[in-house]
Amino acid sequence: EALLVRLSIPGTNSHGGPKPIPQYGDQLQHRSVEGVPAEGSAQLHYEIIIGQFTEGANYELRKPIVTFTDLQFGDLPTDAMYSLRLANPVIGLGLLEAVPASTLEQLADPQDANGDGISGRTNRVWSNELKQEVIGRFGWKANVATVAEQNAGAALGDMGITTELLPTDNCAPGQKQCLTAAVHSNEVEFQSDFFSQLNRYVRLIGVPAQRNSDDPVVQDGSKLFSAYGCVECHIPTLQTRTATIRPELANQTIHPYSDLLLHDMGEGLADGRPDFQATGSEWRTAPLWGIGLTSVVGQNEHYLHDGRARNLSEAILWHGGEAQRARDNFATAPKESRSALIKFLKSI
């Protein structure tokens, strides 16, 4: 229920973003309104990868494999690129939006000038709201600039609902039944007043406080989080701007555990699908605040961009590229240390 499939072909659209597949667009629609055929279905299977911790205990990782069935508008092009995406948590988005762009530029080190093996960089994306190229900070590849654009994209892509930012119905060229069924009106479906309230609500969804911070094991795990190098990308503390779109978001010291930058995460996590300036192996550092409540909120645990990891340990073990050293530090640590790190993550 929380997965979707992004689609594109080589090249870029008019603003430098992914180029949609002509007959399918940029997201596979596996559902539709009455009288309109769904575009098709994606079937998910897994390749099982067995590994071993230093003490000899085995672990099991899942690599997703996607196949497509019931495609209604012809086969996908041979050069089609696709990527599974798990819905991101929506807590604290207004606070992340309020982090100054200058802070992200200062954190970026695209040439790894300090030689630490970490070369985070910003993604420059087209903002349909601001009508200019700006730093992206939302989405798995930091490919969305603002909360309003994130909401508008989800409304259109996931529900087929138009907004003032995306006022055209979600029908790819050649989908005649979709075009016929589309609502032809001068007014968008999410009217301006409602859309403004939706954006206000999403911007102000709070972040849960850390739990069990006085637990000695949690405190040990926090130290290991730093010692293993996790904090090089999952930066604990940022500061919001003085002037923000909502006064409640101004001058806040926040703890998202993210630099909101792109990092090369290695071949294992690569989807091979560029997005604006993000390459096929780069991903935005996922904010970790609230991650310990994932199983409470979602009634299950799925992590990483495609939900392949069933627990936090698996998520760490999939890290590669710039995060390889931190991943190896975790994988070769004693079991007690690994457990302490996981307990710390579950506390934030």
C-alpha atoms as a PDB file:
ATOM      1  CA  GLU A   1       0.000   0.000   0.000  1.00  0.00           C
ATOM      2  CA  ALA A   2       2.902   2.383   0.588  1.00  0.00           C
ATOM      3  CA  LEU A   3       4.989   1.545  -2.489  1.00  0.00           C
ATOM      4  CA  LEU A   4       4.907   3.154  -5.914  1.00  0.00           C
ATOM      5  CA  VAL A   5       7.003   2.821  -9.070  1.00  0.00           C
ATOM      6  CA  ARG A   6       8.746   5.821 -10.614  1.00  0.00           C
ATOM      7  CA  LEU A   7       9.240   5.638 -14.388  1.00  0.00           C
ATOM      8  CA  SER A   8      11.437   7.508 -16.868  1.00  0.00           C
ATOM      9  CA  ILE A   9      13.574   7.139 -19.976  1.00  0.00           C
ATOM     10  CA  PRO A  10      17.063   8.535 -20.626  1.00  0.00           C
ATOM     11  CA  GLY A  11      17.170  12.296 -21.028  1.00  0.00           C
ATOM     12  CA  THR A  12      15.507  15.114 -19.128  1.00  0.00           C
ATOM     13  CA  ASN A  13      12.266  17.039 -19.257  1.00  0.00           C
ATOM     14  CA  SER A  14      12.108  20.763 -20.037  1.00  0.00           C
ATOM     15  CA  HIS A  15      13.273  21.662 -16.525  1.00  0.00           C
ATOM     16  CA  GLY A  16      16.075  19.131 -16.194  1.00  0.00           C
ATOM     17  CA  GLY A  17      14.132  16.494 -14.285  1.00  0.00           C
ATOM     18  CA  PRO A  18      13.420  12.879 -15.268  1.00  0.00           C
ATOM     19  CA  LYS A  19      11.905  12.387 -18.728  1.00  0.00           C
ATOM     20  CA  PRO A  20       8.540  10.584 -18.499  1.00  0.00           C
ATOM     21  CA  ILE A  21       7.736   7.510 -20.567  1.00  0.00           C
ATOM     22  CA  PRO A  22       5.399   8.918 -23.264  1.00  0.00           C
ATOM     23  CA  GLN A  23       2.536   6.465 -22.836  1.00  0.00           C
ATOM     24  CA  TYR A  24       2.847   5.997 -19.057  1.00  0.00           C
ATOM     25  CA  GLY A  25       4.196   9.209 -17.537  1.00  0.00           C
ATOM     26  CA  ASP A  26       6.545   9.216 -14.547  1.00  0.00           C
ATOM     27  CA  GLN A  27       4.617   6.948 -12.164  1.00  0.00           C
ATOM     28  CA  LEU A  28       2.906   3.630 -12.844  1.00  0.00           C
ATOM     29  CA  GLN A  29      -0.792   3.915 -12.005  1.00  0.00           C
ATOM     30  CA  HIS A  30      -1.987   0.492 -10.874  1.00  0.00           C
ATOM     31  CA  ARG A  31      -5.429   1.837  -9.954  1.00  0.00           C
ATOM     32  CA  SER A  32      -7.947   3.983 -11.802  1.00  0.00           C
ATOM     33  CA  VAL A  33     -11.418   5.448 -11.719  1.00  0.00           C
ATOM     34  CA  GLU A  34     -14.379   3.526 -13.110  1.00  0.00           C
ATOM     35  CA  GLY A  35     -14.324   3.266 -16.884  1.00  0.00           C
ATOM     36  CA  VAL A  36     -10.601   3.922 -17.191  1.00  0.00           C
ATOM     37  CA  PRO A  37      -8.089   1.058 -17.350  1.00  0.00           C
ATOM     38  CA  ALA A  38      -5.267   1.013 -14.817  1.00  0.00           C
ATOM     39  CA  GLU A  39      -1.901   1.356 -16.529  1.00  0.00           C
ATOM     40  CA  GLY A  40      -0.621  -1.976 -15.257  1.00  0.00           C
ATOM     41  CA  SER A  41       0.707  -3.843 -12.259  1.00  0.00           C
ATOM     42  CA  ALA A  42       4.111  -4.254 -10.688  1.00  0.00           C
ATOM     43  CA  GLN A  43       4.962  -7.629  -9.177  1.00  0.00           C
ATOM     44  CA  LEU A  44       7.554  -7.675  -6.414  1.00  0.00           C
ATOM     45  CA  HIS A  45       9.916 -10.561  -5.712  1.00  0.00           C
ATOM     46  CA  TYR A  46      13.106 -10.784  -3.709  1.00  0.00           C
ATOM     47  CA  GLU A  47      16.574 -12.210  -4.165  1.00  0.00           C
ATOM     48  CA  ILE A  48      17.886 -13.375  -0.796  1.00  0.00           C
ATOM     49  CA  ILE A  49      21.473 -12.470   0.087  1.00  0.00           C
ATOM     50  CA  ILE A  50      23.130 -14.236   3.015  1.00  0.00           C
ATOM     51  CA  GLY A  51      25.889 -12.557   5.029  1.00  0.00           C
ATOM     52  CA  GLN A  52      27.654 -13.146   8.286  1.00  0.00           C
ATOM     53  CA  PHE A  53      28.618 -11.007  11.255  1.00  0.00           C
ATOM     54  CA  THR A  54      32.106 -11.270  12.716  1.00  0.00           C
ATOM     55  CA  GLU A  55      30.999 -13.581  15.538  1.00  0.00           C
ATOM     56  CA  GLY A  56      29.540 -16.000  12.986  1.00  0.00           C
ATOM     57  CA  ALA A  57      25.844 -15.191  13.169  1.00  0.00           C
ATOM     58  CA  ASN A  58      24.150 -15.099   9.775  1.00  0.00           C
ATOM     59  CA  TYR A  59      21.990 -12.286   8.483  1.00  0.00           C
ATOM     60  CA  GLU A  60      19.661 -12.214   5.511  1.00  0.00           C
ATOM     61  CA  LEU A  61      19.107  -9.294   3.139  1.00  0.00           C
ATOM     62  CA  ARG A  62      16.400  -8.915   0.475  1.00  0.00           C
ATOM     63  CA  LYS A  63      17.082  -7.402  -2.945  1.00  0.00           C
ATOM     64  CA  PRO A  64      13.828  -6.443  -4.682  1.00  0.00           C
ATOM     65  CA  ILE A  65      13.120  -7.565  -8.236  1.00  0.00           C
ATOM     66  CA  VAL A  66      10.241  -5.919 -10.110  1.00  0.00           C
ATOM     67  CA  THR A  67       8.334  -7.341 -13.065  1.00  0.00           C
ATOM     68  CA  PHE A  68       5.434  -5.672 -14.869  1.00  0.00           C
ATOM     69  CA  THR A  69       2.167  -7.274 -15.930  1.00  0.00           C
ATOM     70  CA  ASP A  70      -1.118  -6.195 -17.523  1.00  0.00           C
ATOM     71  CA  LEU A  71       0.439  -3.187 -19.222  1.00  0.00           C
ATOM     72  CA  GLN A  72      -2.416  -1.468 -21.046  1.00  0.00           C
ATOM     73  CA  PHE A  73      -0.500   0.882 -23.327  1.00  0.00           C
ATOM     74  CA  GLY A  74       2.205  -1.340 -24.755  1.00  0.00           C
ATOM     75  CA  ASP A  75       5.458  -2.715 -23.405  1.00  0.00           C
ATOM     76  CA  LEU A  76       7.766  -0.391 -21.552  1.00  0.00           C
ATOM     77  CA  PRO A  77      10.621   0.879 -23.751  1.00  0.00           C
ATOM     78  CA  THR A  78      13.782  -1.204 -23.668  1.00  0.00           C
ATOM     79  CA  ASP A  79      15.623   1.749 -22.142  1.00  0.00           C
ATOM     80  CA  ALA A  80      12.969   2.382 -19.474  1.00  0.00           C
ATOM     81  CA  MET A  81      14.234   3.163 -16.000  1.00  0.00           C
ATOM     82  CA  TYR A  82      12.120   2.379 -12.973  1.00  0.00           C
ATOM     83  CA  SER A  83      12.514   2.655  -9.237  1.00  0.00           C
ATOM     84  CA  LEU A  84      10.438   1.433  -6.308  1.00  0.00           C
ATOM     85  CA  ARG A  85       9.680   4.138  -3.758  1.00  0.00           C
ATOM     86  CA  LEU A  86       8.391   3.792  -0.207  1.00  0.00           C
ATOM     87  CA  ALA A  87       6.416   6.682   1.233  1.00  0.00           C
ATOM     88  CA  ASN A  88       8.517   8.971   3.418  1.00  0.00           C
ATOM     89  CA  PRO A  89       7.388   9.976   6.923  1.00  0.00           C
ATOM     90  CA  VAL A  90       5.762  13.417   6.953  1.00  0.00           C
ATOM     91  CA  ILE A  91       6.872  14.609  10.382  1.00  0.00           C
ATOM     92  CA  GLY A  92       8.893  17.804  10.725  1.00  0.00           C
ATOM     93  CA  LEU A  93       8.714  18.779   7.060  1.00  0.00           C
ATOM     94  CA  GLY A  94       8.143  22.447   7.842  1.00  0.00           C
ATOM     95  CA  LEU A  95      11.254  22.474  10.004  1.00  0.00           C
ATOM     96  CA  LEU A  96      13.332  20.889   7.249  1.00  0.00           C
ATOM     97  CA  GLU A  97      11.963  23.444   4.786  1.00  0.00           C
ATOM     98  CA  ALA A  98      13.057  26.184   7.186  1.00  0.00           C
ATOM     99  CA  VAL A  99      16.725  25.122   7.282  1.00  0.00           C
ATOM    100  CA  PRO A 100      18.646  27.827   5.375  1.00  0.00           C
ATOM    101  CA  ALA A 101      19.941  26.894   1.936  1.00  0.00           C
ATOM    102  CA  SER A 102      23.252  28.411   3.014  1.00  0.00           C
ATOM    103  CA  THR A 103      23.526  25.764   5.747  1.00  0.00           C
ATOM    104  CA  LEU A 104      23.161  22.970   3.201  1.00  0.00           C
ATOM    105  CA  GLU A 105      25.719  24.611   0.924  1.00  0.00           C
ATOM    106  CA  GLN A 106      28.158  24.842   3.829  1.00  0.00           C
ATOM    107  CA  LEU A 107      27.643  21.179   4.697  1.00  0.00           C
ATOM    108  CA  ALA A 108      28.193  20.071   1.101  1.00  0.00           C
ATOM    109  CA  ASP A 109      31.635  18.790   0.146  1.00  0.00           C
ATOM    110  CA  PRO A 110      31.211  17.611  -3.452  1.00  0.00           C
ATOM    111  CA  GLN A 111      34.949  17.225  -4.080  1.00  0.00           C
ATOM    112  CA  ASP A 112      35.668  15.665  -0.658  1.00  0.00           C
ATOM    113  CA  ALA A 113      38.040  18.513   0.120  1.00  0.00           C
ATOM    114  CA  ASN A 114      38.674  17.238   3.652  1.00  0.00           C
ATOM    115  CA  GLY A 115      39.503  13.733   2.423  1.00  0.00           C
ATOM    116  CA  ASP A 116      37.126  11.893   4.757  1.00  0.00           C
ATOM    117  CA  GLY A 117      35.493   9.899   1.966  1.00  0.00           C
ATOM    118  CA  ILE A 118      32.188  11.759   2.359  1.00  0.00           C
ATOM    119  CA  SER A 119      31.255  14.018  -0.538  1.00  0.00           C
ATOM    120  CA  GLY A 120      27.693  15.118   0.048  1.00  0.00           C
ATOM    121  CA  ARG A 121      26.219  17.597  -2.407  1.00  0.00           C
ATOM    122  CA  THR A 122      22.993  19.468  -2.989  1.00  0.00           C
ATOM    123  CA  ASN A 123      20.505  18.588  -5.683  1.00  0.00           C
ATOM    124  CA  ARG A 124      19.502  21.614  -7.750  1.00  0.00           C
ATOM    125  CA  VAL A 125      15.903  21.194  -8.905  1.00  0.00           C
ATOM    126  CA  TRP A 126      13.243  23.217 -10.699  1.00  0.00           C
ATOM    127  CA  SER A 127      10.625  24.633  -8.342  1.00  0.00           C
ATOM    128  CA  ASN A 128       7.222  24.943  -9.953  1.00  0.00           C
ATOM    129  CA  GLU A 129       6.145  27.048  -6.988  1.00  0.00           C
ATOM    130  CA  LEU A 130       9.083  29.470  -6.977  1.00  0.00           C
ATOM    131  CA  LYS A 131       9.602  29.414 -10.766  1.00  0.00           C
ATOM    132  CA  GLN A 132      13.341  28.993 -10.471  1.00  0.00           C
ATOM    133  CA  GLU A 133      16.047  26.413  -9.816  1.00  0.00           C
ATOM    134  CA  VAL A 134      16.691  25.929  -6.096  1.00  0.00           C
ATOM    135  CA  ILE A 135      18.103  23.370  -3.702  1.00  0.00           C
ATOM    136  CA  GLY A 136      15.912  20.283  -3.331  1.00  0.00           C
ATOM    137  CA  ARG A 137      15.389  18.840   0.127  1.00  0.00           C
ATOM    138  CA  PHE A 138      12.382  16.471  -0.001  1.00  0.00           C
ATOM    139  CA  GLY A 139      11.953  13.056  -1.590  1.00  0.00           C
ATOM    140  CA  TRP A 140      14.400  10.150  -1.642  1.00  0.00           C
ATOM    141  CA  LYS A 141      16.680  11.994  -4.051  1.00  0.00           C
ATOM    142  CA  ALA A 142      16.087  15.530  -2.713  1.00  0.00           C
ATOM    143  CA  ASN A 143      14.186  16.155  -5.940  1.00  0.00           C
ATOM    144  CA  VAL A 144      11.438  18.355  -4.473  1.00  0.00           C
ATOM    145  CA  ALA A 145      12.022  21.893  -3.242  1.00  0.00           C
ATOM    146  CA  THR A 146       9.057  22.807  -1.032  1.00  0.00           C
ATOM    147  CA  VAL A 147       6.376  21.263   1.156  1.00  0.00           C
ATOM    148  CA  ALA A 148       3.663  22.630  -1.142  1.00  0.00           C
ATOM    149  CA  GLU A 149       5.250  20.921  -4.147  1.00  0.00           C
ATOM    150  CA  GLN A 150       5.589  17.678  -2.214  1.00  0.00           C
ATOM    151  CA  ASN A 151       1.883  17.833  -1.362  1.00  0.00           C
ATOM    152  CA  ALA A 152       0.869  18.762  -4.906  1.00  0.00           C
ATOM    153  CA  GLY A 153       2.960  15.966  -6.382  1.00  0.00           C
ATOM    154  CA  ALA A 154       1.460  13.391  -4.025  1.00  0.00           C
ATOM    155  CA  ALA A 155      -2.075  14.655  -4.673  1.00  0.00           C
ATOM    156  CA  LEU A 156      -1.703  14.329  -8.436  1.00  0.00           C
ATOM    157  CA  GLY A 157       0.562  11.283  -8.640  1.00  0.00           C
ATOM    158  CA  ASP A 158      -1.079   9.173  -5.941  1.00  0.00           C
ATOM    159  CA  MET A 159      -4.702  10.347  -6.036  1.00  0.00           C
ATOM    160  CA  GLY A 160      -5.194  12.103  -9.376  1.00  0.00           C
ATOM    161  CA  ILE A 161      -6.199  15.347  -7.658  1.00  0.00           C
ATOM    162  CA  THR A 162      -5.238  18.665  -9.244  1.00  0.00           C
ATOM    163  CA  THR A 163      -3.916  21.726  -7.411  1.00  0.00           C
ATOM    164  CA  GLU A 164      -2.896  25.240  -8.343  1.00  0.00           C
ATOM    165  CA  LEU A 165       0.694  23.998  -8.677  1.00  0.00           C
ATOM    166  CA  LEU A 166      -0.227  20.987 -10.837  1.00  0.00           C
ATOM    167  CA  PRO A 167      -3.561  21.883 -12.471  1.00  0.00           C
ATOM    168  CA  THR A 168      -3.552  19.339 -15.328  1.00  0.00           C
ATOM    169  CA  ASP A 169      -5.187  15.933 -14.908  1.00  0.00           C
ATOM    170  CA  ASN A 170      -2.822  12.995 -14.679  1.00  0.00           C
ATOM    171  CA  CYS A 171      -3.353  11.389 -18.101  1.00  0.00           C
ATOM    172  CA  ALA A 172      -0.373  10.431 -20.246  1.00  0.00           C
ATOM    173  CA  PRO A 173      -0.593  11.146 -23.986  1.00  0.00           C
ATOM    174  CA  GLY A 174      -2.554   8.467 -25.825  1.00  0.00           C
ATOM    175  CA  GLN A 175      -4.655   7.429 -22.815  1.00  0.00           C
ATOM    176  CA  LYS A 176      -7.958   8.318 -24.493  1.00  0.00           C
ATOM    177  CA  GLN A 177     -10.291   6.941 -21.823  1.00  0.00           C
ATOM    178  CA  CYS A 178      -8.389   8.790 -19.118  1.00  0.00           C
ATOM    179  CA  LEU A 179      -8.530  12.035 -21.082  1.00  0.00           C
ATOM    180  CA  THR A 180     -12.258  11.578 -21.704  1.00  0.00           C
ATOM    181  CA  ALA A 181     -12.966  10.912 -18.024  1.00  0.00           C
ATOM    182  CA  ALA A 182     -10.814  13.796 -16.796  1.00  0.00           C
ATOM    183  CA  VAL A 183     -12.682  16.672 -15.216  1.00  0.00           C
ATOM    184  CA  HIS A 184     -12.636  19.595 -17.634  1.00  0.00           C
ATOM    185  CA  SER A 185     -13.017  22.703 -15.534  1.00  0.00           C
ATOM    186  CA  ASN A 186     -11.355  26.036 -15.002  1.00  0.00           C
ATOM    187  CA  GLU A 187     -11.081  25.201 -11.316  1.00  0.00           C
ATOM    188  CA  VAL A 188      -8.640  22.788  -9.737  1.00  0.00           C
ATOM    189  CA  GLU A 189      -9.927  20.093  -7.379  1.00  0.00           C
ATOM    190  CA  PHE A 190      -7.947  21.179  -4.319  1.00  0.00           C
ATOM    191  CA  GLN A 191      -9.023  24.820  -4.189  1.00  0.00           C
ATOM    192  CA  SER A 192      -6.525  27.429  -3.016  1.00  0.00           C
ATOM    193  CA  ASP A 193      -7.955  27.841   0.501  1.00  0.00           C
ATOM    194  CA  PHE A 194      -8.017  24.099   1.127  1.00  0.00           C
ATOM    195  CA  PHE A 195      -4.555  23.602  -0.364  1.00  0.00           C
ATOM    196  CA  SER A 196      -3.174  26.359   1.869  1.00  0.00           C
ATOM    197  CA  GLN A 197      -4.632  24.666   4.948  1.00  0.00           C
ATOM    198  CA  LEU A 198      -3.250  21.315   3.839  1.00  0.00           C
ATOM    199  CA  ASN A 199       0.218  22.843   3.463  1.00  0.00           C
ATOM    200  CA  ARG A 200      -0.087  24.517   6.870  1.00  0.00           C
ATOM    201  CA  TYR A 201      -1.055  21.209   8.477  1.00  0.00           C
ATOM    202  CA  VAL A 202       1.780  19.244   6.887  1.00  0.00           C
ATOM    203  CA  ARG A 203       4.347  21.927   7.715  1.00  0.00           C
ATOM    204  CA  LEU A 204       3.366  21.854  11.379  1.00  0.00           C
ATOM    205  CA  ILE A 205       3.221  18.089  12.031  1.00  0.00           C
ATOM    206  CA  GLY A 206       5.460  17.729  15.064  1.00  0.00           C
ATOM    207  CA  VAL A 207       8.361  15.426  15.749  1.00  0.00           C
ATOM    208  CA  PRO A 208       8.235  12.990  18.689  1.00  0.00           C
ATOM    209  CA  ALA A 209      10.653  13.592  21.521  1.00  0.00           C
ATOM    210  CA  GLN A 210      13.462  11.125  22.149  1.00  0.00           C
ATOM    211  CA  ARG A 211      12.590   8.354  24.542  1.00  0.00           C
ATOM    212  CA  ASN A 212      14.769   6.589  27.158  1.00  0.00           C
ATOM    213  CA  SER A 213      17.584   9.086  26.740  1.00  0.00           C
ATOM    214  CA  ASP A 214      18.815   8.338  30.268  1.00  0.00           C
ATOM    215  CA  ASP A 215      19.192   4.612  29.542  1.00  0.00           C
ATOM    216  CA  PRO A 216      22.935   3.750  29.716  1.00  0.00           C
ATOM    217  CA  VAL A 217      22.608   1.417  26.698  1.00  0.00           C
ATOM    218  CA  VAL A 218      20.971   4.188  24.660  1.00  0.00           C
ATOM    219  CA  GLN A 219      23.759   6.542  25.682  1.00  0.00           C
ATOM    220  CA  ASP A 220      26.377   3.966  24.646  1.00  0.00           C
ATOM    221  CA  GLY A 221      24.571   3.558  21.334  1.00  0.00           C
ATOM    222  CA  SER A 222      24.687   7.314  20.773  1.00  0.00           C
ATOM    223  CA  LYS A 223      28.447   7.282  21.269  1.00  0.00           C
ATOM    224  CA  LEU A 224      28.808   4.396  18.823  1.00  0.00           C
ATOM    225  CA  PHE A 225      26.646   6.274  16.295  1.00  0.00           C
ATOM    226  CA  SER A 226      29.346   8.942  16.331  1.00  0.00           C
ATOM    227  CA  ALA A 227      32.323   6.594  16.596  1.00  0.00           C
ATOM    228  CA  TYR A 228      31.232   4.481  13.617  1.00  0.00           C
ATOM    229  CA  GLY A 229      30.928   7.582  11.426  1.00  0.00           C
ATOM    230  CA  CYS A 230      27.139   7.661  11.050  1.00  0.00           C
ATOM    231  CA  VAL A 231      27.063  11.337  12.064  1.00  0.00           C
ATOM    232  CA  GLU A 232      29.106  12.320   9.007  1.00  0.00           C
ATOM    233  CA  CYS A 233      25.847  12.246   7.013  1.00  0.00           C
ATOM    234  CA  HIS A 234      23.146  11.817   9.663  1.00  0.00           C
ATOM    235  CA  ILE A 235      24.012  15.142  11.285  1.00  0.00           C
ATOM    236  CA  PRO A 236      22.135  15.358  14.608  1.00  0.00           C
ATOM    237  CA  THR A 237      21.519  19.108  14.878  1.00  0.00           C
ATOM    238  CA  LEU A 238      20.474  21.887  12.498  1.00  0.00           C
ATOM    239  CA  GLN A 239      19.054  25.382  12.972  1.00  0.00           C
ATOM    240  CA  THR A 240      16.078  26.936  11.198  1.00  0.00           C
ATOM    241  CA  ARG A 241      15.941  30.440   9.728  1.00  0.00           C
ATOM    242  CA  THR A 242      14.822  33.572  11.528  1.00  0.00           C
ATOM    243  CA  ALA A 243      12.332  34.416   8.776  1.00  0.00           C
ATOM    244  CA  THR A 244      10.112  31.438   7.900  1.00  0.00           C
ATOM    245  CA  ILE A 245       6.765  30.838   6.206  1.00  0.00           C
ATOM    246  CA  ARG A 246       5.236  30.014   9.594  1.00  0.00           C
ATOM    247  CA  PRO A 247       6.370  31.817  12.787  1.00  0.00           C
ATOM    248  CA  GLU A 248       6.287  28.543  14.734  1.00  0.00           C
ATOM    249  CA  LEU A 249       9.153  27.236  12.589  1.00  0.00           C
ATOM    250  CA  ALA A 250      11.568  30.121  13.130  1.00  0.00           C
ATOM    251  CA  ASN A 251      14.734  29.975  15.222  1.00  0.00           C
ATOM    252  CA  GLN A 252      14.339  26.320  16.095  1.00  0.00           C
ATOM    253  CA  THR A 253      17.207  24.010  17.037  1.00  0.00           C
ATOM    254  CA  ILE A 254      16.190  20.693  15.502  1.00  0.00           C
ATOM    255  CA  HIS A 255      17.577  17.167  15.533  1.00  0.00           C
ATOM    256  CA  PRO A 256      16.679  15.506  12.208  1.00  0.00           C
ATOM    257  CA  TYR A 257      19.844  13.366  11.949  1.00  0.00           C
ATOM    258  CA  SER A 258      20.272  14.381   8.319  1.00  0.00           C
ATOM    259  CA  ASP A 259      22.276  16.820   6.222  1.00  0.00           C
ATOM    260  CA  LEU A 260      19.575  16.702   3.477  1.00  0.00           C
ATOM    261  CA  LEU A 261      22.385  16.168   0.958  1.00  0.00           C
ATOM    262  CA  LEU A 262      22.922  13.586  -1.762  1.00  0.00           C
ATOM    263  CA  HIS A 263      25.440  10.826  -1.124  1.00  0.00           C
ATOM    264  CA  ASP A 264      26.598   7.967  -3.317  1.00  0.00           C
ATOM    265  CA  MET A 265      25.353   4.893  -1.485  1.00  0.00           C
ATOM    266  CA  GLY A 266      27.051   2.334  -3.690  1.00  0.00           C
ATOM    267  CA  GLU A 267      25.977  -0.255  -6.227  1.00  0.00           C
ATOM    268  CA  GLY A 268      23.818  -2.262  -3.829  1.00  0.00           C
ATOM    269  CA  LEU A 269      21.261   0.519  -3.388  1.00  0.00           C
ATOM    270  CA  ALA A 270      21.597   2.084  -6.848  1.00  0.00           C
ATOM    271  CA  ASP A 271      18.427   2.294  -8.926  1.00  0.00           C
ATOM    272  CA  GLY A 272      20.194   3.625 -12.039  1.00  0.00           C
ATOM    273  CA  ARG A 273      17.607   6.388 -12.407  1.00  0.00           C
ATOM    274  CA  PRO A 274      18.903   9.991 -12.355  1.00  0.00           C
ATOM    275  CA  ASP A 275      16.691  12.729 -10.923  1.00  0.00           C
ATOM    276  CA  PHE A 276      17.735  16.306 -11.718  1.00  0.00           C
ATOM    277  CA  GLN A 277      21.406  16.343 -10.607  1.00  0.00           C
ATOM    278  CA  ALA A 278      21.143  13.176  -8.497  1.00  0.00           C
ATOM    279  CA  THR A 279      22.789  10.179 -10.124  1.00  0.00           C
ATOM    280  CA  GLY A 280      21.418   6.660 -10.155  1.00  0.00           C
ATOM    281  CA  SER A 281      23.432   5.744  -7.051  1.00  0.00           C
ATOM    282  CA  GLU A 282      22.863   8.914  -5.005  1.00  0.00           C
ATOM    283  CA  TRP A 283      20.254   9.289  -2.292  1.00  0.00           C
ATOM    284  CA  ARG A 284      19.344  12.026   0.151  1.00  0.00           C
ATOM    285  CA  THR A 285      20.360  11.307   3.735  1.00  0.00           C
ATOM    286  CA  ALA A 286      17.103  10.134   5.265  1.00  0.00           C
ATOM    287  CA  PRO A 287      16.139  12.025   8.442  1.00  0.00           C
ATOM    288  CA  LEU A 288      16.117   9.593  11.333  1.00  0.00           C
ATOM    289  CA  TRP A 289      13.973  11.501  13.815  1.00  0.00           C
ATOM    290  CA  GLY A 290      10.953   9.424  14.764  1.00  0.00           C
ATOM    291  CA  ILE A 291      12.414   6.262  13.237  1.00  0.00           C
ATOM    292  CA  GLY A 292      12.024   4.385  16.513  1.00  0.00           C
ATOM    293  CA  LEU A 293       8.239   4.660  16.218  1.00  0.00           C
ATOM    294  CA  THR A 294       8.045   3.205  12.706  1.00  0.00           C
ATOM    295  CA  SER A 295       6.497  -0.071  13.841  1.00  0.00           C
ATOM    296  CA  VAL A 296       3.988   1.777  16.044  1.00  0.00           C
ATOM    297  CA  VAL A 297       2.822   4.149  13.314  1.00  0.00           C
ATOM    298  CA  GLY A 298       2.909   1.739  10.375  1.00  0.00           C
ATOM    299  CA  GLN A 299       2.253  -1.553  12.172  1.00  0.00           C
ATOM    300  CA  ASN A 300       5.367  -2.945  10.476  1.00  0.00           C
ATOM    301  CA  GLU A 301       8.960  -2.062   9.672  1.00  0.00           C
ATOM    302  CA  HIS A 302      10.227  -1.293   6.181  1.00  0.00           C
ATOM    303  CA  TYR A 303      13.222   0.953   5.537  1.00  0.00           C
ATOM    304  CA  LEU A 304      15.279   2.427   2.684  1.00  0.00           C
ATOM    305  CA  HIS A 305      13.858   3.887  -0.521  1.00  0.00           C
ATOM    306  CA  ASP A 306      12.163   0.668  -1.626  1.00  0.00           C
ATOM    307  CA  GLY A 307      11.329  -0.848   1.746  1.00  0.00           C
ATOM    308  CA  ARG A 308      13.711  -3.780   1.286  1.00  0.00           C
ATOM    309  CA  ALA A 309      15.057  -3.617   4.856  1.00  0.00           C
ATOM    310  CA  ARG A 310      12.812  -5.272   7.430  1.00  0.00           C
ATOM    311  CA  ASN A 311      14.660  -3.861  10.414  1.00  0.00           C
ATOM    312  CA  LEU A 312      17.244  -1.198  11.197  1.00  0.00           C
ATOM    313  CA  SER A 313      20.123  -3.665  11.158  1.00  0.00           C
ATOM    314  CA  GLU A 314      19.315  -4.673   7.567  1.00  0.00           C
ATOM    315  CA  ALA A 315      19.048  -1.005   6.600  1.00  0.00           C
ATOM    316  CA  ILE A 316      22.552  -0.325   7.911  1.00  0.00           C
ATOM    317  CA  LEU A 317      23.975  -3.419   6.218  1.00  0.00           C
ATOM    318  CA  TRP A 318      22.746  -2.194   2.825  1.00  0.00           C
ATOM    319  CA  HIS A 319      24.805   0.997   3.131  1.00  0.00           C
ATOM    320  CA  GLY A 320      27.718   1.238   0.717  1.00  0.00           C
ATOM    321  CA  GLY A 321      29.647   3.850  -1.221  1.00  0.00           C
ATOM    322  CA  GLU A 322      30.336   6.814   1.023  1.00  0.00           C
ATOM    323  CA  ALA A 323      28.728   4.944   3.929  1.00  0.00           C
ATOM    324  CA  GLN A 324      30.807   1.770   3.492  1.00  0.00           C
ATOM    325  CA  ARG A 325      33.132   2.542   6.399  1.00  0.00           C
ATOM    326  CA  ALA A 326      30.255   3.181   8.802  1.00  0.00           C
ATOM    327  CA  ARG A 327      28.512   0.039   7.580  1.00  0.00           C
ATOM    328  CA  ASP A 328      31.647  -2.079   8.080  1.00  0.00           C
ATOM    329  CA  ASN A 329      32.190  -0.645  11.555  1.00  0.00           C
ATOM    330  CA  PHE A 330      28.695  -1.816  12.449  1.00  0.00           C
ATOM    331  CA  ALA A 331      29.005  -5.218  10.767  1.00  0.00           C
ATOM    332  CA  THR A 332      32.299  -6.058  12.507  1.00  0.00           C
ATOM    333  CA  ALA A 333      31.291  -4.759  15.938  1.00  0.00           C
ATOM    334  CA  PRO A 334      30.432  -7.090  18.812  1.00  0.00           C
ATOM    335  CA  LYS A 335      26.795  -8.085  19.063  1.00  0.00           C
ATOM    336  CA  GLU A 336      26.342  -6.007  22.236  1.00  0.00           C
ATOM    337  CA  SER A 337      27.573  -2.888  20.448  1.00  0.00           C
ATOM    338  CA  ARG A 338      25.292  -3.463  17.485  1.00  0.00           C
ATOM    339  CA  SER A 339      22.349  -3.903  19.856  1.00  0.00           C
ATOM    340  CA  ALA A 340      23.232  -0.676  21.666  1.00  0.00           C
ATOM    341  CA  LEU A 341      23.334   1.264  18.404  1.00  0.00           C
ATOM    342  CA  ILE A 342      19.959  -0.124  17.355  1.00  0.00           C
ATOM    343  CA  LYS A 343      18.484   0.693  20.767  1.00  0.00           C
ATOM    344  CA  PHE A 344      19.711   4.270  20.363  1.00  0.00           C
ATOM    345  CA  LEU A 345      18.077   4.525  16.926  1.00  0.00           C
ATOM    346  CA  LYS A 346      14.832   3.186  18.359  1.00  0.00           C
ATOM    347  CA  SER A 347      14.929   5.938  20.992  1.00  0.00           C
ATOM    348  CA  ILE A 348      14.944   8.848  18.524  1.00  0.00           C
END
